[in-house]
Amino acid sequence: AYRKTSDIEEILIIKDEKWGGWIIPKGRVNEGESLEQAALRELEEETGYSGKIVKFLEEIDSDLYELREYYFFLIEIQGVQDRSKMDGSIKEMKWIRVGKIPKFEQFPDLNKYF
C-alpha cells in the first residue's frame, strides 16, 4: 500500500514476527473471494486502512512458509485509518519513503518496485 503527500511517496510496511520482520501487508484468499478482494480485505484487517487497487504487480511462487503462490498488488490508500477494523495480528507498522525501504528478504523479487 502506498500514499502520496505533496512530493513524498511512502509505502506502508508491517512488522510480522511470524515472517521474521518487516514486510508489506499480505494474507490468504478466502473461499469465494477474488485476489483483488482478498488484497483489500487483508490490508484493512492488518492495518485499518482501506484502499484502491492501482495495478497488479507480480505473482511469486515461494516456499518461505509453505509452498504456494503469492500475488502482489499496488494499492493506493483511501481515507484515514480505522483501527476498529484491525484484527490484532499486526502490532507495529510504519510509513517508509520510497527509495529508503529495507530489502524484503522474504520476497526479494519485490525489491525492484521500491
N, C-alpha and C. Protein backbone atom coordinates (compact mmCIF):
# COMPACT_ATOMS: atom_id res chain seq x y z
N ALA A 1 0.85 -1.17 0.00
CA ALA A 1 0.00 0.00 0.00
C ALA A 1 0.89 1.23 0.00
N TYR A 2 0.44 2.25 -0.69
CA TYR A 2 1.23 3.47 -0.73
C TYR A 2 0.33 4.68 -0.58
N ARG A 3 0.97 5.80 -0.28
CA ARG A 3 0.29 7.08 -0.25
C ARG A 3 1.25 8.13 -0.79
N LYS A 4 0.67 9.18 -1.32
CA LYS A 4 1.48 10.29 -1.81
C LYS A 4 0.96 11.55 -1.16
N THR A 5 1.87 12.24 -0.48
CA THR A 5 1.53 13.52 0.13
C THR A 5 2.53 14.55 -0.37
N SER A 6 2.04 15.60 -0.94
CA SER A 6 2.90 16.62 -1.57
C SER A 6 3.80 15.92 -2.57
N ASP A 7 5.11 15.98 -2.34
CA ASP A 7 6.07 15.35 -3.24
C ASP A 7 6.64 14.05 -2.67
N ILE A 8 6.05 13.56 -1.61
CA ILE A 8 6.59 12.37 -0.93
C ILE A 8 5.71 11.16 -1.21
N GLU A 9 6.33 10.08 -1.67
CA GLU A 9 5.64 8.80 -1.82
C GLU A 9 6.15 7.86 -0.75
N GLU A 10 5.22 7.21 -0.06
CA GLU A 10 5.59 6.30 1.02
C GLU A 10 4.87 4.97 0.85
N ILE A 11 5.53 3.92 1.34
CA ILE A 11 5.00 2.57 1.34
C ILE A 11 4.73 2.16 2.79
N LEU A 12 3.60 1.53 3.03
CA LEU A 12 3.26 1.05 4.36
C LEU A 12 3.85 -0.34 4.55
N ILE A 13 4.64 -0.51 5.61
CA ILE A 13 5.17 -1.83 5.94
C ILE A 13 4.72 -2.21 7.35
N ILE A 14 4.63 -3.50 7.58
CA ILE A 14 4.16 -4.02 8.87
C ILE A 14 5.23 -4.93 9.46
N LYS A 15 5.27 -5.00 10.78
CA LYS A 15 6.19 -5.90 11.46
C LYS A 15 5.42 -7.16 11.82
N ASP A 16 5.87 -8.24 11.27
CA ASP A 16 5.20 -9.52 11.45
C ASP A 16 6.22 -10.53 11.95
N GLU A 17 6.18 -10.83 13.22
CA GLU A 17 7.15 -11.75 13.83
C GLU A 17 7.11 -13.13 13.19
N LYS A 18 5.94 -13.57 12.77
CA LYS A 18 5.79 -14.88 12.13
C LYS A 18 6.65 -14.96 10.87
N TRP A 19 6.77 -13.83 10.15
CA TRP A 19 7.53 -13.78 8.90
C TRP A 19 8.96 -13.32 9.12
N GLY A 20 9.31 -12.99 10.34
CA GLY A 20 10.68 -12.63 10.64
C GLY A 20 11.04 -11.19 10.36
N GLY A 21 10.12 -10.29 10.55
CA GLY A 21 10.47 -8.88 10.42
C GLY A 21 9.48 -8.06 9.63
N TRP A 22 10.00 -7.04 8.94
CA TRP A 22 9.18 -6.09 8.21
C TRP A 22 8.83 -6.62 6.84
N ILE A 23 7.57 -6.43 6.44
CA ILE A 23 7.06 -6.91 5.16
C ILE A 23 5.86 -6.04 4.78
N ILE A 24 5.42 -6.13 3.56
CA ILE A 24 4.21 -5.43 3.16
C ILE A 24 3.00 -6.27 3.59
N PRO A 25 1.84 -5.65 3.79
CA PRO A 25 0.65 -6.42 4.18
C PRO A 25 0.36 -7.54 3.18
N LYS A 26 -0.06 -8.68 3.72
CA LYS A 26 -0.33 -9.86 2.88
C LYS A 26 -1.31 -10.77 3.59
N GLY A 27 -1.79 -11.79 2.90
CA GLY A 27 -2.71 -12.72 3.53
C GLY A 27 -3.26 -13.75 2.57
N ARG A 28 -4.20 -14.51 3.04
CA ARG A 28 -4.80 -15.59 2.27
C ARG A 28 -6.11 -15.15 1.60
N VAL A 29 -6.44 -15.87 0.55
CA VAL A 29 -7.71 -15.65 -0.14
C VAL A 29 -8.76 -16.55 0.49
N ASN A 30 -9.87 -15.96 0.91
CA ASN A 30 -10.97 -16.74 1.47
C ASN A 30 -11.81 -17.33 0.34
N GLU A 31 -12.51 -18.40 0.65
CA GLU A 31 -13.38 -19.04 -0.34
C GLU A 31 -14.38 -18.02 -0.88
N GLY A 32 -14.50 -17.98 -2.20
CA GLY A 32 -15.45 -17.08 -2.85
C GLY A 32 -14.92 -15.69 -3.11
N GLU A 33 -13.70 -15.39 -2.67
CA GLU A 33 -13.10 -14.07 -2.86
C GLU A 33 -12.23 -14.06 -4.11
N SER A 34 -12.18 -12.92 -4.78
CA SER A 34 -11.21 -12.75 -5.85
C SER A 34 -9.87 -12.36 -5.21
N LEU A 35 -8.81 -12.42 -5.98
CA LEU A 35 -7.50 -12.00 -5.48
C LEU A 35 -7.53 -10.54 -5.06
N GLU A 36 -8.19 -9.71 -5.85
CA GLU A 36 -8.29 -8.28 -5.53
C GLU A 36 -9.07 -8.04 -4.24
N GLN A 37 -10.18 -8.75 -4.06
CA GLN A 37 -10.97 -8.60 -2.83
C GLN A 37 -10.15 -9.02 -1.62
N ALA A 38 -9.40 -10.09 -1.76
CA ALA A 38 -8.57 -10.58 -0.65
C ALA A 38 -7.49 -9.55 -0.30
N ALA A 39 -6.86 -8.97 -1.31
CA ALA A 39 -5.80 -7.97 -1.06
C ALA A 39 -6.35 -6.78 -0.29
N LEU A 40 -7.50 -6.29 -0.68
CA LEU A 40 -8.10 -5.14 0.00
C LEU A 40 -8.56 -5.49 1.41
N ARG A 41 -9.14 -6.68 1.58
CA ARG A 41 -9.58 -7.12 2.91
C ARG A 41 -8.38 -7.27 3.85
N GLU A 42 -7.33 -7.93 3.38
CA GLU A 42 -6.15 -8.13 4.22
C GLU A 42 -5.51 -6.81 4.62
N LEU A 43 -5.45 -5.87 3.69
CA LEU A 43 -4.91 -4.55 4.02
C LEU A 43 -5.71 -3.93 5.16
N GLU A 44 -7.02 -3.99 5.06
CA GLU A 44 -7.87 -3.39 6.08
C GLU A 44 -7.74 -4.13 7.42
N GLU A 45 -7.73 -5.46 7.39
CA GLU A 45 -7.63 -6.23 8.64
C GLU A 45 -6.28 -6.03 9.33
N GLU A 46 -5.21 -5.93 8.56
CA GLU A 46 -3.89 -5.82 9.17
C GLU A 46 -3.52 -4.39 9.54
N THR A 47 -4.05 -3.40 8.81
CA THR A 47 -3.59 -2.02 9.03
C THR A 47 -4.69 -1.03 9.39
N GLY A 48 -5.95 -1.37 9.14
CA GLY A 48 -7.03 -0.43 9.38
C GLY A 48 -7.26 0.54 8.25
N TYR A 49 -6.48 0.43 7.18
CA TYR A 49 -6.62 1.31 6.02
C TYR A 49 -7.42 0.63 4.92
N SER A 50 -8.22 1.40 4.21
CA SER A 50 -8.86 0.91 3.01
C SER A 50 -8.08 1.48 1.82
N GLY A 51 -8.29 0.88 0.66
CA GLY A 51 -7.52 1.33 -0.48
C GLY A 51 -8.19 1.01 -1.80
N LYS A 52 -7.52 1.41 -2.87
CA LYS A 52 -7.97 1.17 -4.22
C LYS A 52 -6.81 0.52 -4.97
N ILE A 53 -7.07 -0.59 -5.64
CA ILE A 53 -6.03 -1.27 -6.39
C ILE A 53 -5.69 -0.44 -7.62
N VAL A 54 -4.41 -0.14 -7.77
CA VAL A 54 -3.91 0.62 -8.90
C VAL A 54 -3.50 -0.32 -10.02
N LYS A 55 -2.75 -1.37 -9.64
CA LYS A 55 -2.35 -2.36 -10.64
C LYS A 55 -1.82 -3.62 -9.98
N PHE A 56 -1.85 -4.69 -10.74
CA PHE A 56 -1.26 -5.96 -10.34
C PHE A 56 0.25 -5.84 -10.53
N LEU A 57 1.04 -6.26 -9.54
CA LEU A 57 2.49 -6.18 -9.66
C LEU A 57 3.09 -7.49 -10.13
N GLU A 58 2.83 -8.57 -9.39
CA GLU A 58 3.56 -9.79 -9.70
C GLU A 58 2.99 -10.98 -8.94
N GLU A 59 3.19 -12.15 -9.54
CA GLU A 59 2.91 -13.43 -8.86
C GLU A 59 4.26 -14.05 -8.54
N ILE A 60 4.42 -14.50 -7.31
CA ILE A 60 5.68 -15.10 -6.88
C ILE A 60 5.38 -16.46 -6.25
N ASP A 61 6.06 -17.49 -6.74
CA ASP A 61 5.99 -18.81 -6.10
C ASP A 61 7.06 -18.84 -5.02
N SER A 62 6.66 -19.25 -3.81
CA SER A 62 7.61 -19.26 -2.71
C SER A 62 7.31 -20.42 -1.78
N ASP A 63 8.36 -20.95 -1.19
CA ASP A 63 8.18 -21.97 -0.17
C ASP A 63 8.69 -21.44 1.17
N LEU A 64 8.65 -20.12 1.33
CA LEU A 64 9.13 -19.49 2.55
C LEU A 64 8.46 -20.07 3.78
N TYR A 65 7.16 -20.14 3.75
CA TYR A 65 6.41 -20.65 4.89
C TYR A 65 5.79 -21.99 4.55
N GLU A 66 5.26 -22.06 3.38
CA GLU A 66 4.75 -23.29 2.80
C GLU A 66 4.69 -23.03 1.30
N LEU A 67 4.74 -24.06 0.50
CA LEU A 67 4.76 -23.87 -0.94
C LEU A 67 3.42 -23.33 -1.39
N ARG A 68 3.44 -22.14 -1.95
CA ARG A 68 2.23 -21.55 -2.50
C ARG A 68 2.57 -20.34 -3.34
N GLU A 69 1.55 -19.82 -4.00
CA GLU A 69 1.71 -18.65 -4.85
C GLU A 69 1.27 -17.41 -4.07
N TYR A 70 1.98 -16.33 -4.31
CA TYR A 70 1.65 -15.05 -3.70
C TYR A 70 1.40 -14.06 -4.82
N TYR A 71 0.38 -13.23 -4.66
CA TYR A 71 0.01 -12.23 -5.66
C TYR A 71 0.11 -10.86 -5.02
N PHE A 72 0.81 -9.96 -5.69
CA PHE A 72 1.06 -8.65 -5.12
C PHE A 72 0.43 -7.56 -5.99
N PHE A 73 -0.23 -6.62 -5.32
CA PHE A 73 -0.90 -5.51 -5.98
C PHE A 73 -0.37 -4.19 -5.42
N LEU A 74 -0.36 -3.18 -6.25
CA LEU A 74 -0.09 -1.82 -5.79
C LEU A 74 -1.44 -1.23 -5.40
N ILE A 75 -1.57 -0.84 -4.14
CA ILE A 75 -2.83 -0.33 -3.60
C ILE A 75 -2.60 1.09 -3.08
N GLU A 76 -3.42 2.01 -3.53
CA GLU A 76 -3.36 3.38 -3.05
C GLU A 76 -4.30 3.52 -1.86
N ILE A 77 -3.77 4.04 -0.76
CA ILE A 77 -4.58 4.24 0.45
C ILE A 77 -5.66 5.28 0.17
N GLN A 78 -6.87 4.99 0.65
CA GLN A 78 -8.01 5.89 0.52
C GLN A 78 -8.52 6.22 1.92
N GLY A 79 -8.63 7.47 2.23
CA GLY A 79 -9.19 7.86 3.53
C GLY A 79 -8.21 7.75 4.67
N VAL A 80 -8.76 7.64 5.86
CA VAL A 80 -7.95 7.60 7.09
C VAL A 80 -8.03 6.22 7.73
N GLN A 81 -7.11 5.97 8.60
CA GLN A 81 -7.04 4.67 9.28
C GLN A 81 -8.21 4.49 10.23
N ASP A 82 -8.79 3.28 10.24
CA ASP A 82 -9.86 2.91 11.16
C ASP A 82 -9.38 1.69 11.95
N ARG A 83 -8.80 1.95 13.11
CA ARG A 83 -8.22 0.86 13.91
C ARG A 83 -9.25 -0.19 14.34
N SER A 84 -10.53 0.16 14.35
CA SER A 84 -11.56 -0.79 14.76
C SER A 84 -11.70 -1.95 13.77
N LYS A 85 -11.20 -1.78 12.56
CA LYS A 85 -11.27 -2.83 11.54
C LYS A 85 -10.09 -3.78 11.59
N MET A 86 -9.09 -3.47 12.42
CA MET A 86 -7.90 -4.30 12.51
C MET A 86 -8.18 -5.57 13.29
N ASP A 87 -7.56 -6.68 12.87
CA ASP A 87 -7.79 -7.96 13.53
C ASP A 87 -6.82 -8.25 14.67
N GLY A 88 -5.85 -7.36 14.90
CA GLY A 88 -4.93 -7.51 16.02
C GLY A 88 -3.70 -8.36 15.72
N SER A 89 -3.57 -8.85 14.51
CA SER A 89 -2.43 -9.71 14.19
C SER A 89 -1.12 -8.93 14.02
N ILE A 90 -1.22 -7.66 13.72
CA ILE A 90 -0.03 -6.83 13.49
C ILE A 90 0.07 -5.81 14.62
N LYS A 91 1.22 -5.79 15.26
CA LYS A 91 1.43 -4.91 16.41
C LYS A 91 2.12 -3.61 16.06
N GLU A 92 2.80 -3.57 14.90
CA GLU A 92 3.58 -2.39 14.56
C GLU A 92 3.56 -2.18 13.05
N MET A 93 3.46 -0.93 12.63
CA MET A 93 3.51 -0.59 11.21
C MET A 93 4.13 0.79 11.09
N LYS A 94 4.66 1.08 9.89
CA LYS A 94 5.23 2.40 9.67
C LYS A 94 5.25 2.71 8.19
N TRP A 95 5.26 4.01 7.91
CA TRP A 95 5.37 4.52 6.54
C TRP A 95 6.83 4.81 6.25
N ILE A 96 7.31 4.32 5.11
CA ILE A 96 8.70 4.50 4.71
C ILE A 96 8.73 5.15 3.33
N ARG A 97 9.57 6.14 3.15
CA ARG A 97 9.70 6.79 1.84
C ARG A 97 10.21 5.80 0.80
N VAL A 98 9.64 5.90 -0.38
CA VAL A 98 10.11 5.08 -1.49
C VAL A 98 11.58 5.41 -1.70
N GLY A 99 12.39 4.39 -1.88
CA GLY A 99 13.83 4.56 -2.03
C GLY A 99 14.59 4.34 -0.75
N LYS A 100 13.89 4.33 0.38
CA LYS A 100 14.53 4.11 1.68
C LYS A 100 13.99 2.87 2.38
N ILE A 101 13.31 2.05 1.61
CA ILE A 101 12.66 0.86 2.17
C ILE A 101 13.68 -0.26 2.31
N PRO A 102 13.70 -0.95 3.45
CA PRO A 102 14.64 -2.06 3.60
C PRO A 102 14.31 -3.17 2.61
N LYS A 103 15.33 -3.92 2.23
CA LYS A 103 15.13 -5.04 1.30
C LYS A 103 14.26 -6.10 1.97
N PHE A 104 13.33 -6.65 1.18
CA PHE A 104 12.46 -7.71 1.67
C PHE A 104 13.12 -9.05 1.40
N GLU A 105 13.70 -9.64 2.42
CA GLU A 105 14.37 -10.92 2.26
C GLU A 105 13.38 -12.03 1.93
N GLN A 106 12.15 -11.92 2.45
CA GLN A 106 11.15 -12.95 2.22
C GLN A 106 10.73 -13.03 0.76
N PHE A 107 10.67 -11.90 0.10
CA PHE A 107 10.25 -11.82 -1.30
C PHE A 107 11.20 -10.89 -2.06
N PRO A 108 12.42 -11.33 -2.33
CA PRO A 108 13.40 -10.45 -2.97
C PRO A 108 12.97 -9.92 -4.34
N ASP A 109 12.09 -10.64 -5.04
CA ASP A 109 11.62 -10.16 -6.34
C ASP A 109 10.84 -8.84 -6.22
N LEU A 110 10.33 -8.52 -5.04
CA LEU A 110 9.57 -7.28 -4.85
C LEU A 110 10.46 -6.05 -4.72
N ASN A 111 11.71 -6.25 -4.39
CA ASN A 111 12.60 -5.12 -4.13
C ASN A 111 12.71 -4.17 -5.32
N LYS A 112 12.53 -4.67 -6.52
CA LYS A 112 12.66 -3.81 -7.71
C LYS A 112 11.57 -2.73 -7.76
N TYR A 113 10.47 -2.91 -7.02
CA TYR A 113 9.38 -1.94 -7.05
C TYR A 113 9.62 -0.77 -6.08
N PHE A 114 10.56 -0.94 -5.15
CA PHE A 114 10.73 0.06 -4.10
C PHE A 114 12.11 0.69 -4.15
